[in-house]
């Protein structure tokens, strides 16, 4: 396996970042500094990145987690807040989150120890769709739905890309919106609604690409099936 792919598969960083680490002289194989990212790593080789030995997982694991609100999408938290890692404490090996979900957003979060897959899915170029259910305070006019579909100025350099938006229910003082985006800006969904003067009461991610949250209980996780794993590897 090529060295940059090996480092990415260990969950250290993306292949591009691995290239930079190697060229900067921060990677050793069997005690010798290696400066070529395409160097082949053989079985039994000792690979050290920034002074720490790294190894491929003995088995790649892929999970879907239904993250509750109040949990941060990190493996540890200096403020002592509950983390998603604690929800998979009984998993047979350490897994880490693919991308992020805000602390106050619930729903589908993919977890794996396959660093290359995680980096690939997290990269903007993947353009994988992420679908949410948003409960919004008040009724929503057609022109605001159209604005979400066409792109919204949320204060960044560029407006958001077009989104798929559907009004599922409007009852009393609450509207239920289904919205799919292919970007991953910080708190993007909430900022989109806020830019239109709309208040998000709750937000839940229900799908990442073809992988659905389904009826998975909050705080629980399940293994991805073979079809779902093959889908991730094709992206």
Foldseek 3Di string as FASTA:
>chain_A
DFQLQFCQQQQNAESVVSLVQLCVQQKDWQPHRHNGRRDDDDPPIFIAGNRHTTHHDPDKFKKKAWAAAFEWQFCDDPVPTHHLQVLVVVPPDRWHWQATDDNQATEIIMIISRRHLSNCLNDLVVLWKWKKKWKWFADDDPVLQVCQQPFACLPDPDTFHGKDKDFDDDDDGITIMMIMGSGRDDVVVQSSQVRVVIHTPHMYTADTHPRGRPPADHSHMDTDDPVVVVVSVVD
